[in-house]
Amino acid sequence: MTSAEQSSVKILFVDNDKELLLTLAKLLDGESFELITAASGEEGLEIISNTEGIGVVVSERIMPSMNGIEFLSRAWELSPDSLRIMLTCHDAPGVEQEVLFRAGAFRLIAKPWRNEELIKALRDTVSTYMLIRENRHLTTLLSSGTGDKAERPRQKTFFATP
């Protein structure tokens, strides 16, 4: 995957801690994806509704007015192809199942995290999103049979020889 392809992917990071959002923007500056931040679930949903290309949505679990599970669940409805990540504390028993089932979370990241681990998790999630998107594109080309011959993957046929 080229960095140009990754740079077309946007990551939406939602947390009510504005200082954390500023720190994240500095930490992720220079990465090949675009970071968008929101300080509330409502703001995050508005961004999702008005922005194309959001491939990854990351949310804090505990926020005022709309918790992270509710936010990710609604984000899933608005942008079903986006991969969702929940930030959660170790001391939150039972949250994993609720996040996975109600919000369709792709991954959980425990707080506090190490910066290298967060960056790797975001890079891996962007790569997974790009693979899913490419797979859907190729599946559409193959099933429609109308794709430009240059775009279609070459199929090799092997014959058994006696």
N, C-alpha and C. Protein backbone atom coordinates (compact mmCIF):
# COMPACT_ATOMS: atom_id res chain seq x y z
N MET A 1 0.84 -1.16 0.00
CA MET A 1 0.00 0.00 0.00
C MET A 1 0.89 1.23 0.00
N THR A 2 0.57 2.13 -0.89
CA THR A 2 1.38 3.34 -0.99
C THR A 2 0.98 4.35 0.07
N SER A 3 1.89 5.26 0.38
CA SER A 3 1.55 6.29 1.36
C SER A 3 0.48 7.22 0.81
N ALA A 4 0.38 7.36 -0.52
CA ALA A 4 -0.68 8.17 -1.12
C ALA A 4 -2.04 7.54 -0.85
N GLU A 5 -2.11 6.19 -0.93
CA GLU A 5 -3.36 5.51 -0.62
C GLU A 5 -3.72 5.67 0.86
N GLN A 6 -2.71 5.52 1.72
CA GLN A 6 -2.97 5.69 3.15
C GLN A 6 -3.36 7.12 3.48
N SER A 7 -2.78 8.10 2.79
CA SER A 7 -3.09 9.49 3.11
C SER A 7 -4.52 9.85 2.74
N SER A 8 -5.15 9.03 1.90
CA SER A 8 -6.56 9.30 1.58
C SER A 8 -7.48 8.81 2.69
N VAL A 9 -6.94 8.07 3.65
CA VAL A 9 -7.73 7.56 4.76
C VAL A 9 -7.68 8.57 5.91
N LYS A 10 -8.86 8.83 6.45
CA LYS A 10 -8.97 9.75 7.57
C LYS A 10 -9.27 8.96 8.83
N ILE A 11 -8.65 9.37 9.93
CA ILE A 11 -8.94 8.79 11.24
C ILE A 11 -9.64 9.86 12.06
N LEU A 12 -10.82 9.53 12.55
CA LEU A 12 -11.56 10.43 13.45
C LEU A 12 -11.31 9.97 14.87
N PHE A 13 -10.80 10.86 15.71
CA PHE A 13 -10.49 10.56 17.10
C PHE A 13 -11.42 11.40 17.97
N VAL A 14 -12.24 10.74 18.79
CA VAL A 14 -13.23 11.43 19.61
C VAL A 14 -12.92 11.24 21.09
N ASP A 15 -12.70 12.36 21.77
CA ASP A 15 -12.43 12.33 23.20
C ASP A 15 -12.78 13.69 23.77
N ASN A 16 -13.40 13.72 24.94
CA ASN A 16 -13.77 15.00 25.53
C ASN A 16 -12.57 15.73 26.13
N ASP A 17 -11.43 15.09 26.22
CA ASP A 17 -10.21 15.70 26.74
C ASP A 17 -9.48 16.43 25.61
N LYS A 18 -9.68 17.74 25.54
CA LYS A 18 -9.12 18.52 24.44
C LYS A 18 -7.59 18.54 24.46
N GLU A 19 -7.00 18.48 25.65
CA GLU A 19 -5.54 18.42 25.75
C GLU A 19 -5.01 17.13 25.12
N LEU A 20 -5.71 16.04 25.38
CA LEU A 20 -5.32 14.76 24.78
C LEU A 20 -5.39 14.83 23.26
N LEU A 21 -6.44 15.46 22.74
CA LEU A 21 -6.58 15.59 21.28
C LEU A 21 -5.44 16.40 20.69
N LEU A 22 -5.01 17.46 21.37
CA LEU A 22 -3.86 18.26 20.91
C LEU A 22 -2.58 17.44 20.95
N THR A 23 -2.41 16.67 22.00
CA THR A 23 -1.23 15.82 22.13
C THR A 23 -1.21 14.77 21.03
N LEU A 24 -2.35 14.18 20.74
CA LEU A 24 -2.44 13.19 19.67
C LEU A 24 -2.11 13.80 18.31
N ALA A 25 -2.60 15.01 18.07
CA ALA A 25 -2.31 15.68 16.80
C ALA A 25 -0.80 15.85 16.64
N LYS A 26 -0.11 16.21 17.71
CA LYS A 26 1.35 16.36 17.64
C LYS A 26 2.03 15.00 17.46
N LEU A 27 1.55 14.00 18.20
CA LEU A 27 2.13 12.66 18.12
C LEU A 27 2.00 12.07 16.72
N LEU A 28 0.85 12.29 16.08
CA LEU A 28 0.57 11.67 14.78
C LEU A 28 0.92 12.56 13.60
N ASP A 29 1.47 13.73 13.89
CA ASP A 29 1.92 14.61 12.81
C ASP A 29 3.01 13.90 12.01
N GLY A 30 2.88 13.89 10.71
CA GLY A 30 3.86 13.21 9.87
C GLY A 30 3.46 11.80 9.50
N GLU A 31 2.39 11.28 10.09
CA GLU A 31 1.90 9.97 9.69
C GLU A 31 1.24 10.10 8.31
N SER A 32 1.04 8.97 7.65
CA SER A 32 0.54 9.01 6.27
C SER A 32 -0.98 9.10 6.19
N PHE A 33 -1.66 9.17 7.32
CA PHE A 33 -3.11 9.33 7.29
C PHE A 33 -3.47 10.69 7.87
N GLU A 34 -4.70 11.12 7.60
CA GLU A 34 -5.16 12.42 8.09
C GLU A 34 -5.93 12.23 9.40
N LEU A 35 -5.57 13.00 10.42
CA LEU A 35 -6.25 12.93 11.71
C LEU A 35 -7.28 14.05 11.81
N ILE A 36 -8.50 13.67 12.19
CA ILE A 36 -9.57 14.62 12.47
C ILE A 36 -9.97 14.37 13.92
N THR A 37 -10.19 15.44 14.68
CA THR A 37 -10.55 15.26 16.08
C THR A 37 -11.92 15.88 16.37
N ALA A 38 -12.57 15.32 17.38
CA ALA A 38 -13.85 15.84 17.86
C ALA A 38 -13.86 15.72 19.37
N ALA A 39 -14.43 16.73 20.03
CA ALA A 39 -14.43 16.77 21.49
C ALA A 39 -15.70 16.18 22.11
N SER A 40 -16.60 15.65 21.29
CA SER A 40 -17.82 15.03 21.81
C SER A 40 -18.36 14.04 20.78
N GLY A 41 -19.20 13.15 21.26
CA GLY A 41 -19.84 12.20 20.36
C GLY A 41 -20.70 12.90 19.32
N GLU A 42 -21.43 13.93 19.75
CA GLU A 42 -22.28 14.67 18.82
C GLU A 42 -21.45 15.32 17.71
N GLU A 43 -20.34 15.93 18.09
CA GLU A 43 -19.46 16.54 17.09
C GLU A 43 -18.89 15.47 16.15
N GLY A 44 -18.54 14.32 16.71
CA GLY A 44 -18.02 13.22 15.90
C GLY A 44 -19.03 12.72 14.88
N LEU A 45 -20.30 12.60 15.30
CA LEU A 45 -21.35 12.15 14.38
C LEU A 45 -21.58 13.17 13.27
N GLU A 46 -21.49 14.44 13.61
CA GLU A 46 -21.63 15.49 12.59
C GLU A 46 -20.49 15.40 11.57
N ILE A 47 -19.29 15.17 12.05
CA ILE A 47 -18.14 15.04 11.15
C ILE A 47 -18.32 13.83 10.24
N ILE A 48 -18.74 12.71 10.79
CA ILE A 48 -18.95 11.50 9.98
C ILE A 48 -20.01 11.75 8.91
N SER A 49 -21.06 12.46 9.28
CA SER A 49 -22.15 12.74 8.34
C SER A 49 -21.71 13.64 7.19
N ASN A 50 -20.71 14.48 7.43
CA ASN A 50 -20.31 15.49 6.43
C ASN A 50 -18.94 15.26 5.81
N THR A 51 -18.30 14.14 6.11
CA THR A 51 -16.93 13.93 5.63
C THR A 51 -16.81 12.56 4.97
N GLU A 52 -16.28 12.52 3.77
CA GLU A 52 -16.02 11.25 3.10
C GLU A 52 -14.63 10.74 3.45
N GLY A 53 -14.46 9.45 3.36
CA GLY A 53 -13.13 8.86 3.50
C GLY A 53 -12.69 8.60 4.92
N ILE A 54 -13.62 8.61 5.88
CA ILE A 54 -13.22 8.27 7.25
C ILE A 54 -13.16 6.75 7.33
N GLY A 55 -11.95 6.23 7.46
CA GLY A 55 -11.75 4.79 7.46
C GLY A 55 -11.68 4.21 8.86
N VAL A 56 -11.29 5.05 9.84
CA VAL A 56 -11.12 4.58 11.21
C VAL A 56 -11.74 5.60 12.15
N VAL A 57 -12.52 5.10 13.10
CA VAL A 57 -13.14 5.95 14.12
C VAL A 57 -12.68 5.44 15.48
N VAL A 58 -12.06 6.32 16.25
CA VAL A 58 -11.54 5.97 17.58
C VAL A 58 -12.31 6.79 18.61
N SER A 59 -12.77 6.14 19.68
CA SER A 59 -13.54 6.86 20.68
C SER A 59 -13.15 6.44 22.09
N GLU A 60 -13.10 7.43 22.96
CA GLU A 60 -13.00 7.21 24.40
C GLU A 60 -14.31 6.56 24.85
N ARG A 61 -14.25 5.69 25.84
CA ARG A 61 -15.46 5.02 26.32
C ARG A 61 -16.31 5.93 27.20
N ILE A 62 -15.67 6.68 28.08
CA ILE A 62 -16.43 7.50 29.03
C ILE A 62 -16.36 8.96 28.59
N MET A 63 -17.51 9.49 28.17
CA MET A 63 -17.62 10.90 27.77
C MET A 63 -18.97 11.42 28.28
N PRO A 64 -19.05 12.71 28.54
CA PRO A 64 -20.33 13.26 28.97
C PRO A 64 -21.34 13.29 27.81
N SER A 65 -22.58 13.21 28.12
CA SER A 65 -23.74 13.30 27.22
C SER A 65 -23.90 12.11 26.28
N MET A 66 -22.85 11.53 25.78
CA MET A 66 -22.95 10.34 24.92
C MET A 66 -21.72 9.49 25.18
N ASN A 67 -21.92 8.28 25.71
CA ASN A 67 -20.74 7.46 25.97
C ASN A 67 -20.18 6.88 24.68
N GLY A 68 -18.98 6.34 24.77
CA GLY A 68 -18.30 5.85 23.58
C GLY A 68 -18.99 4.70 22.90
N ILE A 69 -19.66 3.84 23.66
CA ILE A 69 -20.36 2.70 23.05
C ILE A 69 -21.53 3.22 22.21
N GLU A 70 -22.29 4.15 22.77
CA GLU A 70 -23.41 4.73 22.01
C GLU A 70 -22.89 5.46 20.77
N PHE A 71 -21.80 6.22 20.95
CA PHE A 71 -21.24 6.94 19.81
C PHE A 71 -20.80 5.99 18.71
N LEU A 72 -20.02 4.95 19.07
CA LEU A 72 -19.54 4.03 18.04
C LEU A 72 -20.67 3.26 17.39
N SER A 73 -21.71 2.96 18.16
CA SER A 73 -22.87 2.28 17.59
C SER A 73 -23.54 3.16 16.53
N ARG A 74 -23.71 4.43 16.83
CA ARG A 74 -24.31 5.36 15.87
C ARG A 74 -23.36 5.64 14.71
N ALA A 75 -22.06 5.68 14.98
CA ALA A 75 -21.08 5.85 13.91
C ALA A 75 -21.13 4.68 12.95
N TRP A 76 -21.35 3.48 13.48
CA TRP A 76 -21.45 2.26 12.67
C TRP A 76 -22.63 2.37 11.71
N GLU A 77 -23.75 2.92 12.18
CA GLU A 77 -24.92 3.11 11.32
C GLU A 77 -24.64 4.11 10.20
N LEU A 78 -23.93 5.20 10.53
CA LEU A 78 -23.65 6.24 9.54
C LEU A 78 -22.55 5.86 8.56
N SER A 79 -21.58 5.10 9.04
CA SER A 79 -20.42 4.75 8.22
C SER A 79 -20.05 3.30 8.48
N PRO A 80 -20.83 2.36 7.94
CA PRO A 80 -20.62 0.94 8.26
C PRO A 80 -19.27 0.38 7.81
N ASP A 81 -18.64 1.00 6.83
CA ASP A 81 -17.34 0.49 6.37
C ASP A 81 -16.17 0.95 7.22
N SER A 82 -16.36 1.99 8.02
CA SER A 82 -15.28 2.47 8.88
C SER A 82 -15.01 1.44 9.97
N LEU A 83 -13.73 1.25 10.28
CA LEU A 83 -13.36 0.37 11.38
C LEU A 83 -13.37 1.19 12.67
N ARG A 84 -13.88 0.60 13.75
CA ARG A 84 -14.06 1.32 14.99
C ARG A 84 -13.14 0.78 16.08
N ILE A 85 -12.55 1.71 16.84
CA ILE A 85 -11.66 1.37 17.95
C ILE A 85 -12.18 2.05 19.20
N MET A 86 -12.21 1.30 20.31
CA MET A 86 -12.64 1.86 21.59
C MET A 86 -11.43 1.96 22.51
N LEU A 87 -11.28 3.13 23.13
CA LEU A 87 -10.29 3.32 24.17
C LEU A 87 -10.96 3.01 25.50
N THR A 88 -10.36 2.14 26.29
CA THR A 88 -10.99 1.73 27.54
C THR A 88 -9.95 1.48 28.62
N CYS A 89 -10.36 1.57 29.85
CA CYS A 89 -9.49 1.29 30.99
C CYS A 89 -9.53 -0.19 31.31
N HIS A 90 -8.46 -0.67 31.92
CA HIS A 90 -8.40 -2.09 32.31
C HIS A 90 -9.48 -2.44 33.32
N ASP A 91 -9.93 -1.48 34.11
CA ASP A 91 -10.86 -1.76 35.20
C ASP A 91 -12.32 -1.66 34.76
N ALA A 92 -12.61 -2.05 33.54
CA ALA A 92 -13.98 -1.97 33.02
C ALA A 92 -14.44 -3.36 32.60
N PRO A 93 -14.80 -4.22 33.60
CA PRO A 93 -15.20 -5.59 33.26
C PRO A 93 -16.48 -5.62 32.44
N GLY A 94 -16.54 -6.54 31.48
CA GLY A 94 -17.73 -6.71 30.67
C GLY A 94 -17.88 -5.74 29.52
N VAL A 95 -17.04 -4.73 29.47
CA VAL A 95 -17.14 -3.71 28.43
C VAL A 95 -16.79 -4.30 27.07
N GLU A 96 -15.83 -5.22 27.04
CA GLU A 96 -15.37 -5.77 25.77
C GLU A 96 -16.51 -6.35 24.95
N GLN A 97 -17.34 -7.18 25.57
CA GLN A 97 -18.44 -7.79 24.83
C GLN A 97 -19.44 -6.74 24.35
N GLU A 98 -19.76 -5.80 25.20
CA GLU A 98 -20.71 -4.76 24.82
C GLU A 98 -20.18 -3.94 23.65
N VAL A 99 -18.90 -3.60 23.70
CA VAL A 99 -18.30 -2.81 22.63
C VAL A 99 -18.28 -3.61 21.33
N LEU A 100 -17.95 -4.87 21.41
CA LEU A 100 -17.88 -5.69 20.20
C LEU A 100 -19.26 -5.90 19.58
N PHE A 101 -20.26 -6.15 20.38
CA PHE A 101 -21.58 -6.47 19.84
C PHE A 101 -22.41 -5.22 19.52
N ARG A 102 -22.45 -4.26 20.41
CA ARG A 102 -23.29 -3.08 20.18
C ARG A 102 -22.66 -2.07 19.24
N ALA A 103 -21.33 -1.98 19.27
CA ALA A 103 -20.67 -0.94 18.48
C ALA A 103 -19.83 -1.50 17.35
N GLY A 104 -19.76 -2.80 17.21
CA GLY A 104 -18.99 -3.41 16.13
C GLY A 104 -17.52 -3.02 16.15
N ALA A 105 -16.96 -2.93 17.34
CA ALA A 105 -15.56 -2.49 17.45
C ALA A 105 -14.62 -3.50 16.81
N PHE A 106 -13.66 -2.97 16.09
CA PHE A 106 -12.63 -3.78 15.45
C PHE A 106 -11.52 -4.10 16.44
N ARG A 107 -11.30 -3.16 17.36
CA ARG A 107 -10.17 -3.30 18.28
C ARG A 107 -10.44 -2.48 19.54
N LEU A 108 -9.87 -2.95 20.65
CA LEU A 108 -9.89 -2.21 21.91
C LEU A 108 -8.46 -1.81 22.23
N ILE A 109 -8.28 -0.60 22.71
CA ILE A 109 -6.97 -0.13 23.14
C ILE A 109 -7.10 0.29 24.60
N ALA A 110 -6.28 -0.32 25.45
CA ALA A 110 -6.33 -0.02 26.88
C ALA A 110 -5.60 1.28 27.18
N LYS A 111 -6.20 2.04 28.09
CA LYS A 111 -5.58 3.26 28.58
C LYS A 111 -4.97 2.96 29.93
N PRO A 112 -3.85 3.49 30.25
CA PRO A 112 -3.00 4.32 29.38
C PRO A 112 -2.26 3.44 28.38
N TRP A 113 -1.93 3.99 27.24
CA TRP A 113 -1.23 3.25 26.21
C TRP A 113 0.19 3.81 26.07
N ARG A 114 1.02 3.02 25.43
CA ARG A 114 2.35 3.51 25.06
C ARG A 114 2.22 4.07 23.65
N ASN A 115 2.84 5.21 23.39
CA ASN A 115 2.69 5.89 22.10
C ASN A 115 3.02 4.98 20.92
N GLU A 116 4.09 4.19 21.04
CA GLU A 116 4.47 3.31 19.93
C GLU A 116 3.38 2.29 19.64
N GLU A 117 2.74 1.79 20.69
CA GLU A 117 1.67 0.80 20.51
C GLU A 117 0.44 1.43 19.87
N LEU A 118 0.10 2.65 20.26
CA LEU A 118 -1.04 3.34 19.65
C LEU A 118 -0.79 3.59 18.17
N ILE A 119 0.40 4.08 17.85
CA ILE A 119 0.73 4.36 16.45
C ILE A 119 0.67 3.08 15.63
N LYS A 120 1.23 2.00 16.16
CA LYS A 120 1.20 0.72 15.43
C LYS A 120 -0.24 0.24 15.24
N ALA A 121 -1.06 0.36 16.28
CA ALA A 121 -2.46 -0.06 16.18
C ALA A 121 -3.19 0.75 15.12
N LEU A 122 -2.95 2.05 15.06
CA LEU A 122 -3.60 2.89 14.05
C LEU A 122 -3.11 2.54 12.65
N ARG A 123 -1.82 2.35 12.49
CA ARG A 123 -1.27 1.96 11.18
C ARG A 123 -1.86 0.63 10.72
N ASP A 124 -1.90 -0.35 11.64
CA ASP A 124 -2.44 -1.67 11.29
C ASP A 124 -3.92 -1.58 10.91
N THR A 125 -4.67 -0.75 11.63
CA THR A 125 -6.09 -0.61 11.34
C THR A 125 -6.31 0.07 10.00
N VAL A 126 -5.51 1.08 9.69
CA VAL A 126 -5.59 1.74 8.38
C VAL A 126 -5.27 0.73 7.28
N SER A 127 -4.24 -0.08 7.49
CA SER A 127 -3.88 -1.10 6.49
C SER A 127 -5.02 -2.10 6.29
N THR A 128 -5.64 -2.52 7.37
CA THR A 128 -6.77 -3.44 7.27
C THR A 128 -7.92 -2.80 6.52
N TYR A 129 -8.21 -1.55 6.83
CA TYR A 129 -9.27 -0.82 6.13
C TYR A 129 -8.98 -0.75 4.63
N MET A 130 -7.73 -0.47 4.27
CA MET A 130 -7.35 -0.38 2.85
C MET A 130 -7.50 -1.74 2.17
N LEU A 131 -7.13 -2.81 2.85
CA LEU A 131 -7.29 -4.15 2.28
C LEU A 131 -8.77 -4.49 2.05
N ILE A 132 -9.60 -4.16 3.02
CA ILE A 132 -11.04 -4.41 2.88
C ILE A 132 -11.59 -3.61 1.69
N ARG A 133 -11.19 -2.36 1.60
CA ARG A 133 -11.66 -1.51 0.50
C ARG A 133 -11.21 -2.04 -0.86
N GLU A 134 -9.96 -2.46 -0.95
CA GLU A 134 -9.44 -3.01 -2.21
C GLU A 134 -10.14 -4.32 -2.56
N ASN A 135 -10.39 -5.15 -1.55
CA ASN A 135 -11.07 -6.41 -1.78
C ASN A 135 -12.47 -6.17 -2.33
N ARG A 136 -13.18 -5.20 -1.76
CA ARG A 136 -14.53 -4.88 -2.25
C ARG A 136 -14.48 -4.37 -3.69
N HIS A 137 -13.48 -3.55 -3.97
CA HIS A 137 -13.34 -3.01 -5.33
C HIS A 137 -13.10 -4.15 -6.32
N LEU A 138 -12.19 -5.05 -6.00
CA LEU A 138 -11.90 -6.17 -6.91
C LEU A 138 -13.08 -7.11 -7.04
N THR A 139 -13.79 -7.36 -5.95
CA THR A 139 -14.97 -8.21 -6.00
C THR A 139 -16.03 -7.60 -6.90
N THR A 140 -16.21 -6.30 -6.82
CA THR A 140 -17.17 -5.61 -7.68
C THR A 140 -16.76 -5.74 -9.14
N LEU A 141 -15.48 -5.56 -9.43
CA LEU A 141 -15.00 -5.69 -10.81
C LEU A 141 -15.24 -7.10 -11.34
N LEU A 142 -14.93 -8.08 -10.52
CA LEU A 142 -15.09 -9.46 -10.96
C LEU A 142 -16.55 -9.84 -11.13
N SER A 143 -17.40 -9.41 -10.23
CA SER A 143 -18.81 -9.80 -10.31
C SER A 143 -19.56 -9.06 -11.41
N SER A 144 -19.13 -7.84 -11.71
CA SER A 144 -19.83 -7.09 -12.75
C SER A 144 -19.35 -7.48 -14.13
N GLY A 145 -18.12 -7.91 -14.23
CA GLY A 145 -17.57 -8.27 -15.52
C GLY A 145 -17.43 -7.10 -16.47
N THR A 146 -17.66 -5.89 -15.96
CA THR A 146 -17.62 -4.72 -16.82
C THR A 146 -16.38 -3.87 -16.59
N GLY A 147 -15.52 -4.31 -15.69
CA GLY A 147 -14.33 -3.52 -15.41
C GLY A 147 -13.40 -3.46 -16.60
N ASP A 148 -12.66 -2.41 -16.67
CA ASP A 148 -11.65 -2.25 -17.70
C ASP A 148 -10.69 -3.44 -17.60
N LYS A 149 -10.36 -4.02 -18.74
CA LYS A 149 -9.51 -5.21 -18.74
C LYS A 149 -8.19 -4.94 -18.02
N ALA A 150 -7.67 -3.73 -18.13
CA ALA A 150 -6.42 -3.39 -17.46
C ALA A 150 -6.58 -3.39 -15.95
N GLU A 151 -7.79 -3.11 -15.46
CA GLU A 151 -8.03 -3.07 -14.01
C GLU A 151 -8.28 -4.45 -13.43
N ARG A 152 -8.78 -5.38 -14.23
CA ARG A 152 -9.12 -6.69 -13.72
C ARG A 152 -7.86 -7.48 -13.39
N PRO A 153 -7.88 -8.20 -12.28
CA PRO A 153 -6.73 -9.03 -11.97
C PRO A 153 -6.61 -10.15 -12.99
N ARG A 154 -5.39 -10.51 -13.31
CA ARG A 154 -5.18 -11.58 -14.28
C ARG A 154 -5.41 -12.91 -13.60
N GLN A 155 -6.19 -13.72 -14.27
CA GLN A 155 -6.49 -15.04 -13.73
C GLN A 155 -5.64 -16.05 -14.48
N LYS A 156 -5.01 -16.92 -13.72
CA LYS A 156 -4.20 -17.96 -14.33
C LYS A 156 -4.96 -19.26 -14.24
N THR A 157 -4.96 -19.98 -15.34
CA THR A 157 -5.62 -21.28 -15.37
C THR A 157 -4.54 -22.32 -15.59
N PHE A 158 -4.56 -23.32 -14.76
CA PHE A 158 -3.58 -24.38 -14.86
C PHE A 158 -4.30 -25.66 -15.27
N PHE A 159 -3.70 -26.38 -16.22
CA PHE A 159 -4.25 -27.64 -16.67
C PHE A 159 -3.30 -28.74 -16.25
N ALA A 160 -3.90 -29.80 -15.76
CA ALA A 160 -3.10 -30.97 -15.37
C ALA A 160 -2.68 -31.69 -16.65
N THR A 161 -1.43 -32.06 -16.72
CA THR A 161 -0.95 -32.80 -17.88
C THR A 161 -0.87 -34.28 -17.50
N PRO A 162 -1.23 -35.14 -18.45
CA PRO A 162 -1.22 -36.59 -18.16
C PRO A 162 0.17 -37.14 -18.00
